[in-house]
Amino acid sequence: IPVEPEPRGLARSVDGQWLWVTHFFTGRVSRIDLTERRVVRTIETGSDTNALQKIAIHPSNGRAYLPHIRSNVGNRFRLFDTTVFPAVSVLDLSTFTHLPRERIDLSLGLTVANLPFDVTFSPDGTQMYVINLGSGDVMAYDLATGYRTATIDVGHGPRGMAVSGDG
């Protein structure tokens, strides 16, 4: 199935009809109808969005979560803390729309994420876990409040994770 350049992350709907594909450099996400085997729509998550590695579907709220970085390349003071921002963007899968007001900023708090890479959820869907390749940690977020509840050091270069069925 032809898609835009640099496909990276994949997520499939529970019913097997839809496949969502992230595009690494552009911050775009394609929606593929697997019965027709074609891209039916592609949306933007922001012109400053890039490094979209993964996409994860929440177990119950109808949303997809995309760990990535935002690059403020128009900034004339190009320093790490004013140019590159780690974040998790959110898509409403029923309408296939980007929800910028629900984006989670990973640069807030005592420790800052570096290169968010993957996302998963607690079995009950109340917690979101973000693994950060660059900072070597997992950050836990309470999705009801949007607040970080923990940061756990896991070592250098983590790229994936899974939560056991019993949490």
N, C-alpha and C. Protein backbone atom coordinates (compact mmCIF):
# COMPACT_ATOMS: atom_id res chain seq x y z
N ILE A 1 0.87 -1.17 0.00
CA ILE A 1 0.00 0.00 0.00
C ILE A 1 0.91 1.23 0.00
N PRO A 2 0.90 2.02 -1.05
CA PRO A 2 1.77 3.21 -1.10
C PRO A 2 1.35 4.25 -0.05
N VAL A 3 2.34 4.80 0.65
CA VAL A 3 2.11 5.85 1.64
C VAL A 3 3.15 6.95 1.43
N GLU A 4 3.01 8.04 2.19
CA GLU A 4 3.98 9.13 2.11
C GLU A 4 5.35 8.66 2.60
N PRO A 5 6.40 9.45 2.35
CA PRO A 5 7.76 9.06 2.74
C PRO A 5 7.94 8.86 4.26
N GLU A 6 8.91 8.05 4.58
CA GLU A 6 9.37 7.78 5.95
C GLU A 6 8.28 7.24 6.87
N PRO A 7 7.53 6.19 6.45
CA PRO A 7 6.58 5.60 7.39
C PRO A 7 7.34 4.98 8.56
N ARG A 8 6.80 5.10 9.76
CA ARG A 8 7.53 4.60 10.91
C ARG A 8 6.65 3.82 11.88
N GLY A 9 5.68 4.48 12.52
CA GLY A 9 4.86 3.81 13.52
C GLY A 9 3.57 3.27 12.91
N LEU A 10 3.10 2.14 13.45
CA LEU A 10 1.88 1.51 12.97
C LEU A 10 0.96 1.18 14.14
N ALA A 11 -0.33 1.35 13.94
CA ALA A 11 -1.34 0.89 14.90
C ALA A 11 -2.55 0.44 14.11
N ARG A 12 -3.15 -0.66 14.55
CA ARG A 12 -4.31 -1.22 13.85
C ARG A 12 -5.52 -1.17 14.76
N SER A 13 -6.68 -0.88 14.18
CA SER A 13 -7.91 -0.87 14.96
C SER A 13 -8.26 -2.28 15.41
N VAL A 14 -9.00 -2.38 16.50
CA VAL A 14 -9.38 -3.68 17.05
C VAL A 14 -10.17 -4.49 16.04
N ASP A 15 -11.02 -3.83 15.26
CA ASP A 15 -11.84 -4.55 14.28
C ASP A 15 -11.07 -4.90 13.00
N GLY A 16 -9.82 -4.44 12.90
CA GLY A 16 -8.98 -4.77 11.76
C GLY A 16 -9.26 -3.98 10.49
N GLN A 17 -10.14 -2.98 10.54
CA GLN A 17 -10.46 -2.22 9.34
C GLN A 17 -9.45 -1.12 9.05
N TRP A 18 -8.90 -0.50 10.09
CA TRP A 18 -8.06 0.69 9.91
C TRP A 18 -6.62 0.43 10.35
N LEU A 19 -5.70 1.07 9.64
CA LEU A 19 -4.30 1.09 10.02
C LEU A 19 -3.86 2.55 9.99
N TRP A 20 -3.21 2.99 11.07
CA TRP A 20 -2.68 4.35 11.12
C TRP A 20 -1.16 4.26 11.03
N VAL A 21 -0.58 5.16 10.23
CA VAL A 21 0.86 5.15 9.96
C VAL A 21 1.43 6.54 10.22
N THR A 22 2.47 6.61 11.05
CA THR A 22 3.13 7.90 11.27
C THR A 22 4.23 8.08 10.21
N HIS A 23 4.54 9.34 9.93
CA HIS A 23 5.60 9.67 8.99
C HIS A 23 6.65 10.48 9.74
N PHE A 24 7.84 9.93 9.81
CA PHE A 24 8.89 10.38 10.72
C PHE A 24 9.20 11.87 10.65
N PHE A 25 9.45 12.41 9.49
CA PHE A 25 9.94 13.79 9.39
C PHE A 25 8.85 14.85 9.29
N THR A 26 7.64 14.48 8.89
CA THR A 26 6.63 15.49 8.58
C THR A 26 5.59 15.70 9.67
N GLY A 27 5.48 14.79 10.62
CA GLY A 27 4.44 14.91 11.63
C GLY A 27 3.07 14.56 11.10
N ARG A 28 3.02 13.92 9.95
CA ARG A 28 1.75 13.54 9.35
C ARG A 28 1.40 12.10 9.73
N VAL A 29 0.10 11.80 9.73
CA VAL A 29 -0.38 10.46 10.02
C VAL A 29 -1.36 10.07 8.92
N SER A 30 -1.14 8.90 8.34
CA SER A 30 -2.03 8.39 7.29
C SER A 30 -3.01 7.38 7.89
N ARG A 31 -4.22 7.42 7.39
CA ARG A 31 -5.25 6.45 7.77
C ARG A 31 -5.52 5.56 6.56
N ILE A 32 -5.30 4.26 6.76
CA ILE A 32 -5.44 3.30 5.68
C ILE A 32 -6.67 2.43 5.94
N ASP A 33 -7.50 2.29 4.92
CA ASP A 33 -8.62 1.36 4.97
C ASP A 33 -8.06 0.01 4.53
N LEU A 34 -8.00 -0.95 5.44
CA LEU A 34 -7.39 -2.23 5.11
C LEU A 34 -8.28 -3.10 4.23
N THR A 35 -9.58 -2.86 4.20
CA THR A 35 -10.44 -3.63 3.30
C THR A 35 -10.25 -3.17 1.85
N GLU A 36 -10.02 -1.86 1.67
CA GLU A 36 -9.78 -1.32 0.33
C GLU A 36 -8.30 -1.26 -0.01
N ARG A 37 -7.45 -1.43 1.00
CA ARG A 37 -5.99 -1.39 0.84
C ARG A 37 -5.51 -0.08 0.20
N ARG A 38 -5.96 1.05 0.82
CA ARG A 38 -5.53 2.35 0.31
C ARG A 38 -5.59 3.39 1.42
N VAL A 39 -4.79 4.44 1.26
CA VAL A 39 -4.82 5.58 2.17
C VAL A 39 -6.10 6.37 1.87
N VAL A 40 -6.90 6.60 2.89
CA VAL A 40 -8.12 7.37 2.68
C VAL A 40 -7.99 8.80 3.16
N ARG A 41 -7.01 9.05 4.04
CA ARG A 41 -6.82 10.42 4.53
C ARG A 41 -5.47 10.52 5.25
N THR A 42 -4.87 11.68 5.17
CA THR A 42 -3.65 11.98 5.91
C THR A 42 -3.83 13.32 6.58
N ILE A 43 -3.44 13.41 7.85
CA ILE A 43 -3.59 14.67 8.57
C ILE A 43 -2.26 15.15 9.12
N GLU A 44 -2.21 16.45 9.40
CA GLU A 44 -1.06 17.11 10.01
C GLU A 44 -1.20 17.11 11.52
N THR A 45 -0.09 16.98 12.21
CA THR A 45 -0.09 17.17 13.67
C THR A 45 0.69 18.42 14.04
N GLY A 46 1.04 19.22 13.05
CA GLY A 46 1.76 20.47 13.27
C GLY A 46 2.98 20.55 12.39
N SER A 47 3.24 21.72 11.84
CA SER A 47 4.37 21.88 10.93
C SER A 47 5.71 21.74 11.66
N ASP A 48 5.69 21.89 12.99
CA ASP A 48 6.93 21.77 13.76
C ASP A 48 7.11 20.38 14.37
N THR A 49 6.21 19.44 14.03
CA THR A 49 6.27 18.09 14.59
C THR A 49 7.17 17.22 13.74
N ASN A 50 8.03 16.44 14.41
CA ASN A 50 8.86 15.47 13.71
C ASN A 50 9.30 14.37 14.67
N ALA A 51 10.05 13.43 14.16
CA ALA A 51 10.52 12.27 14.91
C ALA A 51 9.35 11.45 15.46
N LEU A 52 8.31 11.28 14.62
CA LEU A 52 7.17 10.44 14.99
C LEU A 52 7.56 8.97 14.82
N GLN A 53 7.94 8.34 15.91
CA GLN A 53 8.38 6.94 15.87
C GLN A 53 7.22 5.96 15.97
N LYS A 54 6.28 6.23 16.89
CA LYS A 54 5.24 5.25 17.22
C LYS A 54 3.87 5.92 17.29
N ILE A 55 2.86 5.08 17.34
CA ILE A 55 1.49 5.52 17.58
C ILE A 55 0.85 4.43 18.44
N ALA A 56 0.12 4.84 19.46
CA ALA A 56 -0.54 3.88 20.36
C ALA A 56 -1.99 4.26 20.53
N ILE A 57 -2.86 3.26 20.47
CA ILE A 57 -4.29 3.50 20.63
C ILE A 57 -4.68 3.21 22.07
N HIS A 58 -5.35 4.18 22.67
CA HIS A 58 -5.82 4.03 24.05
C HIS A 58 -6.84 2.89 24.11
N PRO A 59 -6.87 2.12 25.20
CA PRO A 59 -7.77 0.97 25.26
C PRO A 59 -9.26 1.29 25.28
N SER A 60 -9.65 2.54 25.60
CA SER A 60 -11.08 2.79 25.69
C SER A 60 -11.57 4.18 25.27
N ASN A 61 -10.70 5.16 25.12
CA ASN A 61 -11.21 6.52 24.89
C ASN A 61 -11.26 6.95 23.42
N GLY A 62 -10.92 6.06 22.49
CA GLY A 62 -11.03 6.41 21.07
C GLY A 62 -9.98 7.38 20.58
N ARG A 63 -8.85 7.44 21.30
CA ARG A 63 -7.79 8.37 20.91
C ARG A 63 -6.49 7.61 20.64
N ALA A 64 -5.67 8.22 19.79
CA ALA A 64 -4.33 7.71 19.53
C ALA A 64 -3.33 8.72 20.07
N TYR A 65 -2.22 8.21 20.59
CA TYR A 65 -1.19 9.05 21.20
C TYR A 65 0.11 8.86 20.43
N LEU A 66 0.78 10.00 20.13
CA LEU A 66 1.96 10.02 19.28
C LEU A 66 3.13 10.70 19.98
N PRO A 67 4.12 9.95 20.45
CA PRO A 67 5.30 10.59 21.04
C PRO A 67 6.17 11.20 19.93
N HIS A 68 6.68 12.40 20.14
CA HIS A 68 7.47 13.07 19.11
C HIS A 68 8.20 14.26 19.72
N ILE A 69 8.92 14.96 18.86
CA ILE A 69 9.50 16.24 19.26
C ILE A 69 8.91 17.33 18.39
N ARG A 70 8.89 18.53 18.96
CA ARG A 70 8.50 19.73 18.23
C ARG A 70 9.76 20.56 18.05
N SER A 71 10.00 21.03 16.83
CA SER A 71 11.21 21.79 16.54
C SER A 71 10.84 23.22 16.18
N ASN A 72 11.23 24.14 17.02
CA ASN A 72 10.98 25.56 16.81
C ASN A 72 12.13 26.14 15.99
N VAL A 73 12.17 25.78 14.71
CA VAL A 73 13.30 26.19 13.87
C VAL A 73 13.28 27.66 13.51
N GLY A 74 12.15 28.34 13.74
CA GLY A 74 12.07 29.77 13.49
C GLY A 74 12.66 30.60 14.62
N ASN A 75 13.05 29.95 15.69
CA ASN A 75 13.61 30.63 16.85
C ASN A 75 15.01 31.14 16.50
N ARG A 76 15.27 32.40 16.74
CA ARG A 76 16.60 32.93 16.41
C ARG A 76 17.64 32.61 17.48
N PHE A 77 17.19 32.21 18.68
CA PHE A 77 18.11 31.78 19.74
C PHE A 77 18.07 30.26 19.81
N ARG A 78 18.81 29.62 18.96
CA ARG A 78 18.74 28.17 18.81
C ARG A 78 19.51 27.44 19.91
N LEU A 79 18.86 27.35 21.03
CA LEU A 79 19.39 26.60 22.16
C LEU A 79 18.49 25.40 22.39
N PHE A 80 19.00 24.36 23.07
CA PHE A 80 18.22 23.14 23.24
C PHE A 80 16.91 23.39 23.98
N ASP A 81 16.90 24.33 24.92
CA ASP A 81 15.69 24.52 25.72
C ASP A 81 14.72 25.54 25.12
N THR A 82 15.05 26.10 23.95
CA THR A 82 14.13 27.02 23.28
C THR A 82 13.81 26.56 21.85
N THR A 83 14.33 25.41 21.47
CA THR A 83 14.18 24.96 20.09
C THR A 83 13.50 23.61 19.97
N VAL A 84 13.84 22.66 20.82
CA VAL A 84 13.33 21.30 20.71
C VAL A 84 12.51 20.97 21.96
N PHE A 85 11.26 20.53 21.73
CA PHE A 85 10.35 20.25 22.83
C PHE A 85 9.77 18.85 22.70
N PRO A 86 9.93 17.99 23.71
CA PRO A 86 9.32 16.66 23.67
C PRO A 86 7.83 16.75 23.99
N ALA A 87 7.03 15.97 23.27
CA ALA A 87 5.58 16.04 23.46
C ALA A 87 4.92 14.73 23.05
N VAL A 88 3.65 14.61 23.42
CA VAL A 88 2.79 13.53 22.94
C VAL A 88 1.54 14.19 22.38
N SER A 89 1.32 14.04 21.07
CA SER A 89 0.12 14.58 20.45
C SER A 89 -0.99 13.56 20.50
N VAL A 90 -2.23 14.06 20.36
CA VAL A 90 -3.41 13.21 20.50
C VAL A 90 -4.30 13.37 19.27
N LEU A 91 -4.81 12.23 18.78
CA LEU A 91 -5.75 12.20 17.67
C LEU A 91 -7.07 11.60 18.14
N ASP A 92 -8.18 12.17 17.68
CA ASP A 92 -9.49 11.55 17.88
C ASP A 92 -9.69 10.63 16.68
N LEU A 93 -9.74 9.33 16.92
CA LEU A 93 -9.81 8.38 15.82
C LEU A 93 -11.19 8.30 15.17
N SER A 94 -12.24 8.67 15.90
CA SER A 94 -13.58 8.60 15.30
C SER A 94 -13.77 9.67 14.23
N THR A 95 -13.16 10.83 14.42
CA THR A 95 -13.24 11.91 13.44
C THR A 95 -11.93 12.10 12.68
N PHE A 96 -10.89 11.37 13.09
CA PHE A 96 -9.53 11.48 12.56
C PHE A 96 -9.09 12.94 12.51
N THR A 97 -9.12 13.55 13.69
CA THR A 97 -8.68 14.94 13.83
C THR A 97 -7.60 15.04 14.89
N HIS A 98 -6.73 15.99 14.70
CA HIS A 98 -5.68 16.30 15.66
C HIS A 98 -6.29 17.15 16.77
N LEU A 99 -5.94 16.85 18.02
CA LEU A 99 -6.47 17.59 19.17
C LEU A 99 -5.33 18.33 19.86
N PRO A 100 -4.93 19.50 19.31
CA PRO A 100 -3.76 20.20 19.85
C PRO A 100 -3.92 20.63 21.31
N ARG A 101 -5.13 20.87 21.76
CA ARG A 101 -5.33 21.28 23.16
C ARG A 101 -5.11 20.13 24.14
N GLU A 102 -5.07 18.90 23.64
CA GLU A 102 -4.83 17.74 24.49
C GLU A 102 -3.37 17.28 24.46
N ARG A 103 -2.54 17.96 23.67
CA ARG A 103 -1.12 17.59 23.60
C ARG A 103 -0.50 17.64 24.99
N ILE A 104 0.35 16.67 25.28
CA ILE A 104 1.02 16.58 26.58
C ILE A 104 2.45 17.04 26.40
N ASP A 105 2.82 18.08 27.12
CA ASP A 105 4.17 18.66 27.05
C ASP A 105 5.06 17.89 28.03
N LEU A 106 6.05 17.19 27.50
CA LEU A 106 6.96 16.40 28.34
C LEU A 106 8.14 17.21 28.87
N SER A 107 8.18 18.51 28.56
CA SER A 107 9.30 19.34 29.03
C SER A 107 8.99 20.00 30.37
N LEU A 108 7.81 19.75 30.91
CA LEU A 108 7.44 20.34 32.20
C LEU A 108 7.82 19.39 33.33
N GLY A 109 8.19 19.94 34.47
CA GLY A 109 8.54 19.12 35.62
C GLY A 109 10.00 19.24 35.98
N LEU A 110 10.40 18.48 36.97
CA LEU A 110 11.78 18.54 37.44
C LEU A 110 12.76 17.92 36.47
N THR A 111 12.32 16.89 35.76
CA THR A 111 13.16 16.27 34.75
C THR A 111 12.45 16.40 33.40
N VAL A 112 13.24 16.56 32.36
CA VAL A 112 12.71 16.77 31.01
C VAL A 112 12.98 15.52 30.18
N ALA A 113 12.01 15.12 29.39
CA ALA A 113 12.18 13.98 28.50
C ALA A 113 13.09 14.36 27.34
N ASN A 114 13.81 13.37 26.84
CA ASN A 114 14.67 13.56 25.69
C ASN A 114 14.35 12.45 24.69
N LEU A 115 13.88 12.82 23.52
CA LEU A 115 13.51 11.91 22.44
C LEU A 115 12.45 10.89 22.84
N PRO A 116 11.22 11.34 23.09
CA PRO A 116 10.15 10.39 23.38
C PRO A 116 9.98 9.42 22.22
N PHE A 117 9.87 8.14 22.53
CA PHE A 117 9.94 7.12 21.49
C PHE A 117 8.70 6.24 21.41
N ASP A 118 8.14 5.87 22.56
CA ASP A 118 7.02 4.94 22.56
C ASP A 118 6.05 5.29 23.68
N VAL A 119 4.80 4.85 23.53
CA VAL A 119 3.74 5.11 24.51
C VAL A 119 2.94 3.82 24.69
N THR A 120 2.53 3.56 25.93
CA THR A 120 1.58 2.49 26.21
C THR A 120 0.72 2.91 27.39
N PHE A 121 -0.24 2.09 27.76
CA PHE A 121 -1.21 2.47 28.78
C PHE A 121 -1.38 1.37 29.81
N SER A 122 -1.84 1.76 30.99
CA SER A 122 -2.22 0.78 32.00
C SER A 122 -3.46 0.05 31.46
N PRO A 123 -3.71 -1.19 31.92
CA PRO A 123 -4.87 -1.93 31.41
C PRO A 123 -6.20 -1.19 31.58
N ASP A 124 -6.34 -0.41 32.65
CA ASP A 124 -7.60 0.33 32.86
C ASP A 124 -7.62 1.67 32.13
N GLY A 125 -6.52 2.03 31.47
CA GLY A 125 -6.47 3.25 30.68
C GLY A 125 -6.30 4.54 31.46
N THR A 126 -6.06 4.46 32.75
CA THR A 126 -5.93 5.68 33.54
C THR A 126 -4.52 6.26 33.50
N GLN A 127 -3.54 5.43 33.23
CA GLN A 127 -2.14 5.88 33.19
C GLN A 127 -1.58 5.72 31.78
N MET A 128 -0.76 6.67 31.37
CA MET A 128 -0.01 6.59 30.12
C MET A 128 1.46 6.54 30.48
N TYR A 129 2.20 5.66 29.82
CA TYR A 129 3.63 5.55 30.03
C TYR A 129 4.35 5.93 28.76
N VAL A 130 5.33 6.84 28.88
CA VAL A 130 6.11 7.31 27.74
C VAL A 130 7.55 6.90 27.96
N ILE A 131 8.12 6.17 27.01
CA ILE A 131 9.53 5.80 27.12
C ILE A 131 10.35 6.79 26.30
N ASN A 132 11.45 7.25 26.86
CA ASN A 132 12.27 8.29 26.25
C ASN A 132 13.65 7.74 25.90
N LEU A 133 13.91 7.65 24.61
CA LEU A 133 15.17 7.10 24.11
C LEU A 133 16.37 7.89 24.60
N GLY A 134 16.32 9.20 24.50
CA GLY A 134 17.47 10.04 24.84
C GLY A 134 17.77 10.15 26.31
N SER A 135 16.72 10.25 27.15
CA SER A 135 16.94 10.41 28.60
C SER A 135 16.91 9.08 29.34
N GLY A 136 16.60 7.98 28.66
CA GLY A 136 16.68 6.66 29.27
C GLY A 136 15.72 6.46 30.42
N ASP A 137 14.49 6.94 30.25
CA ASP A 137 13.53 6.79 31.35
C ASP A 137 12.13 6.54 30.83
N VAL A 138 11.26 6.17 31.76
CA VAL A 138 9.83 6.04 31.50
C VAL A 138 9.13 7.06 32.37
N MET A 139 8.22 7.80 31.78
CA MET A 139 7.43 8.77 32.53
C MET A 139 5.98 8.30 32.57
N ALA A 140 5.39 8.30 33.76
CA ALA A 140 4.00 7.91 33.93
C ALA A 140 3.15 9.16 34.08
N TYR A 141 2.00 9.17 33.40
CA TYR A 141 1.08 10.31 33.45
C TYR A 141 -0.31 9.84 33.82
N ASP A 142 -0.96 10.60 34.68
CA ASP A 142 -2.37 10.39 35.00
C ASP A 142 -3.16 11.08 33.89
N LEU A 143 -3.89 10.32 33.09
CA LEU A 143 -4.58 10.91 31.95
C LEU A 143 -5.76 11.78 32.35
N ALA A 144 -6.33 11.55 33.53
CA ALA A 144 -7.45 12.39 33.98
C ALA A 144 -6.99 13.80 34.29
N THR A 145 -5.79 13.93 34.84
CA THR A 145 -5.29 15.25 35.24
C THR A 145 -4.24 15.80 34.27
N GLY A 146 -3.57 14.90 33.52
CA GLY A 146 -2.48 15.31 32.64
C GLY A 146 -1.17 15.49 33.36
N TYR A 147 -1.14 15.17 34.67
CA TYR A 147 0.08 15.36 35.46
C TYR A 147 0.96 14.12 35.45
N ARG A 148 2.28 14.36 35.46
CA ARG A 148 3.24 13.28 35.58
C ARG A 148 3.19 12.75 37.01
N THR A 149 3.14 11.43 37.14
CA THR A 149 3.09 10.80 38.47
C THR A 149 4.39 10.12 38.85
N ALA A 150 5.25 9.84 37.87
CA ALA A 150 6.52 9.18 38.18
C ALA A 150 7.47 9.30 37.00
N THR A 151 8.76 9.24 37.31
CA THR A 151 9.81 9.11 36.30
C THR A 151 10.72 7.99 36.77
N ILE A 152 10.93 7.00 35.92
CA ILE A 152 11.70 5.82 36.30
C ILE A 152 12.87 5.67 35.33
N ASP A 153 14.09 5.68 35.86
CA ASP A 153 15.28 5.49 35.04
C ASP A 153 15.34 4.03 34.60
N VAL A 154 15.50 3.79 33.29
CA VAL A 154 15.57 2.42 32.78
C VAL A 154 16.86 2.14 32.01
N GLY A 155 17.78 3.09 31.96
CA GLY A 155 19.05 2.85 31.27
C GLY A 155 19.08 3.46 29.88
N HIS A 156 20.18 3.24 29.20
CA HIS A 156 20.45 3.89 27.92
C HIS A 156 19.65 3.33 26.75
N GLY A 157 19.06 4.20 25.98
CA GLY A 157 18.47 3.87 24.70
C GLY A 157 17.25 2.96 24.65
N PRO A 158 16.31 3.08 25.58
CA PRO A 158 15.12 2.20 25.48
C PRO A 158 14.26 2.57 24.28
N ARG A 159 13.71 1.55 23.63
CA ARG A 159 12.93 1.79 22.40
C ARG A 159 11.54 1.17 22.41
N GLY A 160 11.17 0.47 23.44
CA GLY A 160 9.85 -0.13 23.46
C GLY A 160 9.50 -0.64 24.84
N MET A 161 8.23 -0.89 25.05
CA MET A 161 7.77 -1.40 26.34
C MET A 161 6.42 -2.03 26.18
N ALA A 162 6.03 -2.79 27.19
CA ALA A 162 4.71 -3.40 27.24
C ALA A 162 4.30 -3.47 28.68
N VAL A 163 3.00 -3.39 28.94
CA VAL A 163 2.46 -3.50 30.29
C VAL A 163 1.77 -4.85 30.38
N SER A 164 2.01 -5.57 31.47
CA SER A 164 1.35 -6.86 31.66
C SER A 164 -0.15 -6.68 31.77
N GLY A 165 -0.90 -7.71 31.45
CA GLY A 165 -2.35 -7.66 31.48
C GLY A 165 -2.93 -7.32 32.83
N ASP A 166 -2.22 -7.66 33.90
CA ASP A 166 -2.71 -7.34 35.25
C ASP A 166 -2.18 -6.02 35.79
N GLY A 167 -1.46 -5.30 34.93
CA GLY A 167 -0.96 -3.99 35.30
C GLY A 167 0.32 -4.02 36.11
